[in-house]
Structure formats: C-alpha cells, structure tokens
Amino acid sequence: MLVVTMGDLPGYRILAIIGEVVGVTARGQNRFAEGVPTNDNLSAVDERHLIAARREAVERMAAHAHDAGATAVVSMRFTERTISPDWVEICAYGTAVVAAPQRAGIPGRFQALQGRRTPTKAGQ
C-alpha cells in the first residue's frame, strides 16, 4: 500500500477517491510524560516506542484502505489526544484512493506492492 503525505502521486493518475481512512492505536502516556521535559531529551528507547506507535497506526490505516479497495492513501497525517490520565491515542488518517501508473511499465515500489496487504498484528 502506497502511503504519502502529499495530496497527489507524481507518475500516477488517481482513478477514484474512496474516502477517509483512519488507523488508531493507544499507548500509556506516563512512559513519555514522566521526566521528559523536551523532545531533545528522549532516549533511544523512548524514540523507538513513539515510532512504533505511529507505525502501528499507519499500518492499521493502510489495512482499512486495502479492505475498502484502495491502492494508495494520500494526504496522510497524524494526530494524538489524551483519552485518560494514563492513555494517549495516536491516529493516522488520510484519503484512500485507487491510483494507476500514468504509463504502462513504470517500475517501482507501487507495482511491486500492488495487491499486497499491509500486515497488522491482529490479522496477519
């Protein structure tokens, strides 16, 4: 699944807009809040934990897009919010589209991954 933060896909034509897709995960927020005054002081372990949470949200979003018949997600963004004193929600969202190369035979990642579902922890 091709996921981009841009609103278009250079080299591809958007054939159909399927609509908004969302992927959500929740993490304990105390791991990040206690003793971390700025992002400059994040340890490598904390950074890996944050990256893993965002990656999981993107994988879930991509799986929803795939299930809806999309071949790509454009304008992907992140948001997060506190859902309780102990938990934070990380959300990846974007627009699911059906896209095709503008010219036949364009090599690249899109053709190599076309039709392959992004694995998720729950439904590999």
N, C-alpha and C. Protein backbone atom coordinates (compact mmCIF):
# COMPACT_ATOMS: atom_id res chain seq x y z
N MET A 1 0.85 -1.17 0.00
CA MET A 1 0.00 0.00 0.00
C MET A 1 0.89 1.23 0.00
N LEU A 2 0.73 2.07 -0.98
CA LEU A 2 1.48 3.32 -1.07
C LEU A 2 0.80 4.35 -0.19
N VAL A 3 1.54 4.91 0.77
CA VAL A 3 1.01 5.92 1.69
C VAL A 3 1.91 7.14 1.60
N VAL A 4 1.32 8.30 1.27
CA VAL A 4 2.11 9.52 1.13
C VAL A 4 1.45 10.67 1.88
N THR A 5 2.27 11.63 2.30
CA THR A 5 1.75 12.81 2.96
C THR A 5 1.36 13.89 1.95
N MET A 6 1.74 13.71 0.70
CA MET A 6 1.38 14.66 -0.37
C MET A 6 -0.07 14.45 -0.79
N GLY A 7 -0.63 15.46 -1.44
CA GLY A 7 -2.00 15.36 -1.91
C GLY A 7 -2.13 14.70 -3.27
N ASP A 8 -1.01 14.42 -3.92
CA ASP A 8 -1.05 13.77 -5.23
C ASP A 8 0.04 12.70 -5.29
N LEU A 9 0.05 11.98 -6.39
CA LEU A 9 1.03 10.91 -6.59
C LEU A 9 1.73 11.15 -7.92
N PRO A 10 2.87 11.82 -7.93
CA PRO A 10 3.57 12.04 -9.19
C PRO A 10 3.82 10.72 -9.91
N GLY A 11 3.49 10.68 -11.21
CA GLY A 11 3.67 9.48 -12.00
C GLY A 11 2.46 8.56 -11.99
N TYR A 12 1.45 8.90 -11.23
CA TYR A 12 0.24 8.09 -11.13
C TYR A 12 -0.99 8.97 -11.36
N ARG A 13 -2.02 8.33 -11.81
CA ARG A 13 -3.30 9.02 -12.01
C ARG A 13 -4.28 8.48 -10.98
N ILE A 14 -4.96 9.37 -10.27
CA ILE A 14 -5.97 8.94 -9.30
C ILE A 14 -7.26 8.68 -10.07
N LEU A 15 -7.69 7.42 -10.05
CA LEU A 15 -8.87 6.99 -10.79
C LEU A 15 -10.15 7.14 -9.99
N ALA A 16 -10.05 6.97 -8.67
CA ALA A 16 -11.24 7.06 -7.81
C ALA A 16 -10.82 7.47 -6.41
N ILE A 17 -11.68 8.24 -5.78
CA ILE A 17 -11.48 8.59 -4.37
C ILE A 17 -12.45 7.74 -3.57
N ILE A 18 -11.91 6.93 -2.68
CA ILE A 18 -12.75 6.07 -1.86
C ILE A 18 -13.23 6.82 -0.62
N GLY A 19 -12.35 7.59 0.00
CA GLY A 19 -12.73 8.39 1.16
C GLY A 19 -11.74 8.29 2.29
N GLU A 20 -12.12 8.89 3.40
CA GLU A 20 -11.25 8.95 4.57
C GLU A 20 -11.04 7.56 5.17
N VAL A 21 -9.80 7.32 5.57
CA VAL A 21 -9.46 6.10 6.31
C VAL A 21 -8.68 6.51 7.55
N VAL A 22 -8.85 5.73 8.60
CA VAL A 22 -8.26 6.06 9.90
C VAL A 22 -7.65 4.80 10.50
N GLY A 23 -6.52 4.95 11.14
CA GLY A 23 -5.91 3.88 11.92
C GLY A 23 -5.57 4.43 13.29
N VAL A 24 -5.95 3.71 14.34
CA VAL A 24 -5.78 4.21 15.71
C VAL A 24 -5.07 3.18 16.56
N THR A 25 -4.24 3.66 17.46
CA THR A 25 -3.64 2.83 18.49
C THR A 25 -3.60 3.65 19.77
N ALA A 26 -3.51 3.00 20.90
CA ALA A 26 -3.43 3.70 22.19
C ALA A 26 -2.19 3.21 22.93
N ARG A 27 -1.57 4.14 23.62
CA ARG A 27 -0.36 3.82 24.39
C ARG A 27 -0.47 4.49 25.76
N GLY A 28 0.18 3.88 26.75
CA GLY A 28 0.28 4.52 28.06
C GLY A 28 1.12 5.77 27.92
N GLN A 29 0.61 6.89 28.42
CA GLN A 29 1.34 8.14 28.20
C GLN A 29 2.35 8.45 29.30
N ASN A 30 2.25 7.84 30.45
CA ASN A 30 3.20 8.13 31.51
C ASN A 30 4.63 7.81 31.11
N ARG A 31 4.79 6.85 30.21
CA ARG A 31 6.12 6.49 29.71
C ARG A 31 6.80 7.70 29.09
N PHE A 32 6.02 8.60 28.49
CA PHE A 32 6.58 9.77 27.81
C PHE A 32 6.55 11.01 28.70
N ALA A 33 5.60 11.11 29.61
CA ALA A 33 5.37 12.33 30.37
C ALA A 33 6.32 12.48 31.56
N GLU A 34 6.70 11.40 32.19
CA GLU A 34 7.48 11.49 33.41
C GLU A 34 8.96 11.69 33.11
N GLY A 35 9.49 12.82 33.55
CA GLY A 35 10.91 13.09 33.45
C GLY A 35 11.41 13.39 32.06
N VAL A 36 10.54 13.80 31.14
CA VAL A 36 10.96 14.14 29.78
C VAL A 36 10.54 15.58 29.50
N PRO A 37 11.38 16.57 29.86
CA PRO A 37 10.97 17.96 29.70
C PRO A 37 10.86 18.41 28.25
N THR A 38 11.69 17.90 27.35
CA THR A 38 11.62 18.29 25.94
C THR A 38 11.91 17.07 25.08
N ASN A 39 11.56 17.17 23.80
CA ASN A 39 11.85 16.08 22.87
C ASN A 39 13.35 15.86 22.71
N ASP A 40 14.15 16.88 22.97
CA ASP A 40 15.61 16.74 22.83
C ASP A 40 16.17 15.72 23.81
N ASN A 41 15.45 15.45 24.90
CA ASN A 41 15.95 14.55 25.92
C ASN A 41 15.38 13.14 25.83
N LEU A 42 14.69 12.81 24.74
CA LEU A 42 14.15 11.45 24.58
C LEU A 42 15.30 10.46 24.44
N SER A 43 15.18 9.36 25.13
CA SER A 43 16.18 8.31 24.96
C SER A 43 15.89 7.57 23.66
N ALA A 44 16.84 6.77 23.24
CA ALA A 44 16.64 5.97 22.02
C ALA A 44 15.49 5.00 22.20
N VAL A 45 15.30 4.46 23.40
CA VAL A 45 14.20 3.54 23.66
C VAL A 45 12.87 4.26 23.55
N ASP A 46 12.77 5.46 24.15
CA ASP A 46 11.54 6.25 24.06
C ASP A 46 11.21 6.60 22.61
N GLU A 47 12.23 6.98 21.85
CA GLU A 47 12.02 7.33 20.45
C GLU A 47 11.52 6.12 19.66
N ARG A 48 12.10 4.96 19.88
CA ARG A 48 11.65 3.74 19.20
C ARG A 48 10.20 3.41 19.56
N HIS A 49 9.83 3.64 20.81
CA HIS A 49 8.46 3.39 21.26
C HIS A 49 7.48 4.33 20.55
N LEU A 50 7.84 5.59 20.43
CA LEU A 50 6.99 6.56 19.73
C LEU A 50 6.86 6.21 18.25
N ILE A 51 7.96 5.86 17.63
CA ILE A 51 7.95 5.49 16.21
C ILE A 51 7.10 4.24 16.00
N ALA A 52 7.21 3.26 16.89
CA ALA A 52 6.42 2.03 16.76
C ALA A 52 4.93 2.32 16.86
N ALA A 53 4.53 3.22 17.74
CA ALA A 53 3.12 3.57 17.89
C ALA A 53 2.59 4.23 16.61
N ARG A 54 3.35 5.14 16.04
CA ARG A 54 2.92 5.79 14.79
C ARG A 54 2.88 4.78 13.65
N ARG A 55 3.87 3.92 13.59
CA ARG A 55 3.91 2.91 12.53
C ARG A 55 2.70 1.98 12.62
N GLU A 56 2.32 1.59 13.83
CA GLU A 56 1.16 0.74 14.02
C GLU A 56 -0.11 1.44 13.55
N ALA A 57 -0.25 2.73 13.86
CA ALA A 57 -1.42 3.49 13.41
C ALA A 57 -1.47 3.55 11.88
N VAL A 58 -0.32 3.76 11.24
CA VAL A 58 -0.28 3.80 9.77
C VAL A 58 -0.62 2.43 9.18
N GLU A 59 -0.10 1.36 9.76
CA GLU A 59 -0.40 0.00 9.27
C GLU A 59 -1.89 -0.29 9.37
N ARG A 60 -2.51 0.11 10.45
CA ARG A 60 -3.96 -0.11 10.60
C ARG A 60 -4.74 0.72 9.58
N MET A 61 -4.32 1.96 9.36
CA MET A 61 -4.97 2.81 8.37
C MET A 61 -4.85 2.18 6.97
N ALA A 62 -3.65 1.72 6.63
CA ALA A 62 -3.42 1.11 5.32
C ALA A 62 -4.25 -0.16 5.14
N ALA A 63 -4.41 -0.94 6.21
CA ALA A 63 -5.24 -2.14 6.13
C ALA A 63 -6.70 -1.78 5.87
N HIS A 64 -7.19 -0.73 6.51
CA HIS A 64 -8.57 -0.27 6.26
C HIS A 64 -8.72 0.20 4.81
N ALA A 65 -7.72 0.90 4.31
CA ALA A 65 -7.77 1.37 2.92
C ALA A 65 -7.78 0.18 1.97
N HIS A 66 -6.93 -0.80 2.21
CA HIS A 66 -6.88 -2.00 1.37
C HIS A 66 -8.22 -2.72 1.38
N ASP A 67 -8.80 -2.87 2.57
CA ASP A 67 -10.09 -3.55 2.69
C ASP A 67 -11.20 -2.81 1.94
N ALA A 68 -11.05 -1.49 1.79
CA ALA A 68 -12.04 -0.69 1.07
C ALA A 68 -11.79 -0.69 -0.44
N GLY A 69 -10.70 -1.33 -0.89
CA GLY A 69 -10.39 -1.41 -2.32
C GLY A 69 -9.40 -0.39 -2.82
N ALA A 70 -8.75 0.33 -1.93
CA ALA A 70 -7.79 1.36 -2.33
C ALA A 70 -6.45 0.75 -2.71
N THR A 71 -5.69 1.47 -3.52
CA THR A 71 -4.33 1.08 -3.83
C THR A 71 -3.32 2.06 -3.24
N ALA A 72 -3.82 3.17 -2.67
CA ALA A 72 -2.93 4.17 -2.07
C ALA A 72 -3.72 5.02 -1.08
N VAL A 73 -2.97 5.71 -0.22
CA VAL A 73 -3.53 6.71 0.68
C VAL A 73 -2.74 7.99 0.47
N VAL A 74 -3.46 9.09 0.21
CA VAL A 74 -2.82 10.39 0.03
C VAL A 74 -3.17 11.30 1.20
N SER A 75 -2.39 12.34 1.38
CA SER A 75 -2.60 13.36 2.42
C SER A 75 -2.64 12.75 3.83
N MET A 76 -1.78 11.77 4.08
CA MET A 76 -1.74 11.12 5.39
C MET A 76 -1.21 12.10 6.43
N ARG A 77 -1.87 12.09 7.61
CA ARG A 77 -1.48 12.95 8.72
C ARG A 77 -1.57 12.15 10.02
N PHE A 78 -0.99 12.70 11.08
CA PHE A 78 -1.09 12.14 12.42
C PHE A 78 -1.78 13.13 13.34
N THR A 79 -2.46 12.59 14.32
CA THR A 79 -2.94 13.39 15.44
C THR A 79 -2.88 12.51 16.67
N GLU A 80 -2.80 13.14 17.81
CA GLU A 80 -2.85 12.38 19.05
C GLU A 80 -3.63 13.18 20.07
N ARG A 81 -4.25 12.45 21.01
CA ARG A 81 -5.02 13.12 22.06
C ARG A 81 -4.98 12.27 23.32
N THR A 82 -5.12 12.92 24.44
CA THR A 82 -5.19 12.23 25.71
C THR A 82 -6.60 11.70 25.87
N ILE A 83 -6.73 10.40 26.13
CA ILE A 83 -8.06 9.82 26.30
C ILE A 83 -8.35 9.50 27.76
N SER A 84 -7.33 9.54 28.61
CA SER A 84 -7.49 9.41 30.06
C SER A 84 -6.15 9.84 30.66
N PRO A 85 -6.09 9.96 31.97
CA PRO A 85 -4.81 10.35 32.57
C PRO A 85 -3.66 9.39 32.25
N ASP A 86 -4.00 8.15 31.91
CA ASP A 86 -2.96 7.15 31.67
C ASP A 86 -2.74 6.80 30.21
N TRP A 87 -3.63 7.23 29.32
CA TRP A 87 -3.58 6.78 27.93
C TRP A 87 -3.60 7.92 26.94
N VAL A 88 -2.87 7.72 25.85
CA VAL A 88 -2.88 8.66 24.73
C VAL A 88 -3.25 7.88 23.48
N GLU A 89 -4.04 8.49 22.62
CA GLU A 89 -4.46 7.89 21.35
C GLU A 89 -3.61 8.48 20.23
N ILE A 90 -3.06 7.62 19.37
CA ILE A 90 -2.31 8.05 18.20
C ILE A 90 -3.13 7.64 16.99
N CYS A 91 -3.41 8.60 16.12
CA CYS A 91 -4.29 8.37 14.98
C CYS A 91 -3.57 8.77 13.69
N ALA A 92 -3.60 7.89 12.70
CA ALA A 92 -3.12 8.20 11.35
C ALA A 92 -4.37 8.25 10.47
N TYR A 93 -4.47 9.28 9.64
CA TYR A 93 -5.64 9.39 8.77
C TYR A 93 -5.23 9.97 7.43
N GLY A 94 -6.03 9.66 6.42
CA GLY A 94 -5.76 10.15 5.08
C GLY A 94 -6.91 9.81 4.16
N THR A 95 -6.70 10.03 2.87
CA THR A 95 -7.73 9.77 1.86
C THR A 95 -7.33 8.54 1.05
N ALA A 96 -8.19 7.52 1.09
CA ALA A 96 -7.95 6.30 0.32
C ALA A 96 -8.34 6.55 -1.13
N VAL A 97 -7.48 6.13 -2.05
CA VAL A 97 -7.73 6.33 -3.48
C VAL A 97 -7.35 5.07 -4.26
N VAL A 98 -7.87 5.00 -5.47
CA VAL A 98 -7.43 3.99 -6.44
C VAL A 98 -6.55 4.76 -7.42
N ALA A 99 -5.29 4.35 -7.52
CA ALA A 99 -4.34 5.04 -8.39
C ALA A 99 -3.69 4.05 -9.34
N ALA A 100 -3.32 4.53 -10.52
CA ALA A 100 -2.66 3.70 -11.52
C ALA A 100 -1.52 4.49 -12.15
N PRO A 101 -0.45 3.79 -12.54
CA PRO A 101 0.65 4.49 -13.22
C PRO A 101 0.14 5.21 -14.46
N GLN A 102 0.68 6.39 -14.74
CA GLN A 102 0.26 7.14 -15.93
C GLN A 102 0.71 6.46 -17.21
N ARG A 103 1.82 5.73 -17.13
CA ARG A 103 2.31 4.98 -18.29
C ARG A 103 2.49 3.53 -17.90
N ALA A 104 2.15 2.64 -18.78
CA ALA A 104 2.34 1.21 -18.51
C ALA A 104 3.82 0.92 -18.36
N GLY A 105 4.14 0.01 -17.49
CA GLY A 105 5.52 -0.43 -17.33
C GLY A 105 6.37 0.45 -16.45
N ILE A 106 5.77 1.38 -15.70
CA ILE A 106 6.57 2.20 -14.79
C ILE A 106 7.10 1.29 -13.69
N PRO A 107 8.41 1.17 -13.57
CA PRO A 107 8.93 0.33 -12.49
C PRO A 107 8.82 1.06 -11.17
N GLY A 108 8.85 0.32 -10.11
CA GLY A 108 8.86 0.98 -8.81
C GLY A 108 8.09 0.23 -7.76
N ARG A 109 8.08 0.83 -6.61
CA ARG A 109 7.50 0.22 -5.42
C ARG A 109 6.02 -0.05 -5.58
N PHE A 110 5.28 0.84 -6.23
CA PHE A 110 3.84 0.69 -6.36
C PHE A 110 3.49 -0.63 -7.04
N GLN A 111 4.12 -0.91 -8.17
CA GLN A 111 3.81 -2.14 -8.89
C GLN A 111 4.26 -3.36 -8.11
N ALA A 112 5.38 -3.27 -7.41
CA ALA A 112 5.88 -4.41 -6.65
C ALA A 112 4.96 -4.76 -5.49
N LEU A 113 4.31 -3.76 -4.91
CA LEU A 113 3.48 -3.98 -3.74
C LEU A 113 1.99 -4.04 -4.07
N GLN A 114 1.62 -3.77 -5.29
CA GLN A 114 0.20 -3.74 -5.65
C GLN A 114 -0.46 -5.07 -5.31
N GLY A 115 -1.57 -4.98 -4.59
CA GLY A 115 -2.30 -6.17 -4.21
C GLY A 115 -1.81 -6.83 -2.93
N ARG A 116 -0.70 -6.36 -2.38
CA ARG A 116 -0.18 -6.93 -1.14
C ARG A 116 -0.74 -6.15 0.03
N ARG A 117 -1.32 -6.83 0.97
CA ARG A 117 -1.90 -6.18 2.14
C ARG A 117 -0.83 -5.88 3.16
N THR A 118 -0.92 -4.70 3.79
CA THR A 118 -0.03 -4.36 4.86
C THR A 118 -0.39 -5.18 6.08
N PRO A 119 0.53 -5.94 6.66
CA PRO A 119 0.18 -6.78 7.80
C PRO A 119 -0.13 -5.96 9.04
N THR A 120 -1.03 -6.47 9.84
CA THR A 120 -1.32 -5.88 11.14
C THR A 120 -1.11 -6.95 12.18
N LYS A 121 -0.96 -6.55 13.41
CA LYS A 121 -0.73 -7.53 14.47
C LYS A 121 -1.90 -8.48 14.61
N ALA A 122 -3.13 -7.95 14.50
CA ALA A 122 -4.31 -8.77 14.74
C ALA A 122 -4.61 -9.71 13.58
N GLY A 123 -4.38 -9.26 12.34
CA GLY A 123 -4.86 -10.08 11.22
C GLY A 123 -3.82 -10.47 10.20
N GLN A 124 -2.61 -10.70 10.61
CA GLN A 124 -1.58 -11.07 9.65
C GLN A 124 -2.04 -12.24 8.86
